[in-house]
Amino acid sequence: MQRPAKAKTPRRPGQKKASNIEKDPVGVYCRIRPLGAEDTECCVEMISSSTIQLHAPDGIKANRNGEFKETQYSFKKVFGINTNQMELFEDVAKPLIEDLIRCKNGLLFTYGVTGSGKTFTMTGSPGEGGLLPRSLDILFNTIGPFQAKRFVFKPDEKNVMEIQGQVDALLERQKRDSQQSVPKTPSRLKADPEFADMISSEEACKFENVDEDCCYSVFVSYIEIYNNYIYDLLEDAPCDPIRPKPPQSKILREDQNHTMYVAGCTEVEVKSTEEAFEVFWKGQKKRRIANTELNRESSRSHSVFTVKLAQAPLDADGDHILQDKNQVNVSQLCLVDLAGSERTSRTRAEGSRLREAGNINQSLMTLRTCMEVLRENQMCGTNKMVPYRDSKVTHLFKNYFDGEGKVRMVVCVNPKADDYDETMLVMRFAEMTQEVEVARPIDRPICGLAAGRRHKNRAFKDELSRRLDDRGGPSNAVDDPSFLNQLVESLPAIPHFELVDPYDDQSLPRLIEILEKRHRIRQMVTQQYDKTGNALKSMFQQFDSQINAKETFLHEQRCKLSEKDKVILSQKAELERLEKKSKTLEYKVDILQKTTDMYEQDKRSLRQELETREQRLQREQTDRRRMEQRMQGMVTDSKLKWEKECERRVNAKQLEMQNKLWVKDEKLKQLKAIVTESSSSSGGGGIGGFPTERPEKPERPSRERDHNVGQKRSASPSPLHGNVFKTRGGGQAVQFTDIETLKQEFPMASSRKRCSGSGDGEDQIEDIENKAPVTSASSGFGYQKRRKP
């Protein structure tokens, strides 16, 4: 067994950098996909709620030692094959939505082999909505009653959220309504899936603790990263059926807060879950998918769906949004569906599919490299540069790992035996990612106003409307006849009397008094009315003068506004020119950066090649010096050897010549002896009639002795065999004192017969000539030495 439990790479000794920032590790979850009907062998087993075990399939169970490999991996939580989408959402995505409402960023991405269920986990299917639709649902269920009107929040082109006034927002809404009133030709062949089909009403939920004194707006964007290029899936590009243009790729930029964003990306403001899901499905139809050997609908790009939540506090009255740009808080949640890693040997990809697979694997490899460097920097205290810029995926999410927020990863696993090797690589990456730490987000207070402003404003409006309802609503008292009747009734009443006595002096004066009193009251009322009318007239005149002044002022402001509009148009033109120039310069910078990278790479390669050649040259010089020393030694040894060989050959040649000279001298001496003997025998013979005894031949020295002795003859004559003397021709001759004769051992009879059968010296000379050259013992001759008499 390779390792019975979870094994970690040993940490190198090193001290961590001192920091007061609290950090949390990346949360990694694992989800196991159910086996298909055609798959029978399973290589993944769920041991506990946080541990899985991988079994090698039958084909590759034994390693080099013949043991079985079973590996265990631990996660924050493991979801088995019976886990539904709601359970997964409750543990993984729901805390991120709560942090989003509390102004904290979050990143959630799915990772795994192709065909392991990543897109199903993120999007889901009808009746089983995934993480994305459920996140939208709980977000709008929570902030629905507290959303601001459309176009109150407006994003600019520099990733900054602005607040518009009520009038500007109203104009924007009217402009949008006028654009939407134009009927469009239906282009959809089939109906898009409804959000109601994804999530049932029983599964709807929301958060209770939400700040009611804020207004919220949700903006969504949807991009894909295809072949390391960024494309906007929500961009409404004009379609030319004659000459269709390919979609234009986007570039990454950094805003004033050092946050990476996609420049020129479409951000759509949505007010409901259904509208947000409709926007998502609009972009989903443009996403690149293809049919491969392993997956019928394989994602060929990385998709990023961003939910951006803008919130700003209400004013002190709790009626309108506080017009302070610094009080706007923006948080975002990125839901990423990474494309699956795959082996071309299994997918049999060719052409564009092969290039897509290569770019997918390269971006995932860059993600692994970034995680490894981050882990090493955090655990060992090093400061290595993290290669975020090597891929658009890592460059876009650089802020989540270097800044603050929460990062969650769902590792999708297909337990079939064919994916065992790829699953092992995914498990190792997930195990390493759990050791990377990200700064914990902190709570940011929005403003210092009193809480409950929205509730108090609502209560005040409810009470005002109730009172108006109780009073029957507002009325104009001057035009009301009842008011005139009350005014007439307030005058003194005329008494009812009859004149029956002509001498009645009391009734008429009393009537006159009453009428005069009524007349005085009427005059007073008339004067009051005149006075009020004059006041109103003067007020109207004052209002007219103010209106004229306002109109004059408005006319002046309109003139200034037209001038400002012209300046704005010129500045917009200048801005567009500068934008184009900036894009051109950025393009040139990218080209120069790539050229610089190429030159740097060539420089490194040439430097390595130069170092290699220098090392090779040094080795060759060392070998050459060593070879020269060896050759000098060999030349010296050969010289000494050949000197000894020449000396030996000279000595051998001298010995051979001396032997030849000696043989000739021996022949001459023997011939002389024979001639002398024959002449003496012919002259009377020996004493008493017997022939004189023939002197014995001197014995020739052996080769070994001649070899040993011959080396000394060049210096001095040998005292054993003879004396050296100079000849008349200038040479040297040897006069031996001892004579060696050859004696034939076998056959002896023929030799004696020839010697006795002939008295002349010719046969003896022939016999000696035949015997003299033989020096080997194997030839049947031996040496017999005798002294001269």
Foldseek 3Di string as FASTA:
>chain_A
DADPEDDDDDFDDADFDDDPFDWAFAAEEEEEADADPVFDDFQWADDDQFKIKGFADPVPQQDPVGHGDIYMFGGPGYHYNPDAQLVVLVPFPPVQLVVQLLQFAEEEEEAEAWPLCLCCQQQNDFVGGHNVLLSQQQNCVAQQVQADDPPQWDADQQRAIAGDDPVVRVVVVVVVVVVVVDDDDDDDPDDDDFSCRHDPPVSGDYDDDHANQKHKWKKKFKWKQFLLFIFGLQDDDDADVVDGDDGDTWDWDAHPVRAIDTGPTDIDIDNHSRVVVVSVVSSVVVFDFDCWPNDGTFGLIKMKMKMKMKMAGCDQLSPHGDNDSVLIRIYMYIYIYQGRADDCVRRVDDDPRVSSNVSSVVQVVLVLQLLVVLLSCRRRVDDDDRPQVVGPVSVNCVCQQVPEHHYHYYYRDHRGNVCSVRVVVSSVSSSSSSSRIHGYDDRDDRDDHDGPSNVVSVVVVVVVVVVCVVVVHDDDLVPDVVNVVVVVVVQDDQDDDDDPDPPDPPNVVVNVVSVVSSVVVVVVVVVVVVVVVVVVVVVVVVVVVVVVVVVVVVVVVVVVVVVVVVVVVVVVVVVVVVVVVVVVVVVVVVVVVVVVVVVVVVVVVVVVVVVVVVVVVVVVVVVVVVVVVVVVVVVVVVVVVVVVVVLLVVLVVQLVVLVVLLLVVLLVVVLVLLVVQLVVCVVQADPPSHHDDRFAFAFDDAPVVSSVVSVVCVPAHDPQFFHWDADPVGHIHTDGQWGKAKDAVPPPVVVVCQPVVDSDCPSVSVVRVVRSVDDDPVVRIHIDTGGDD
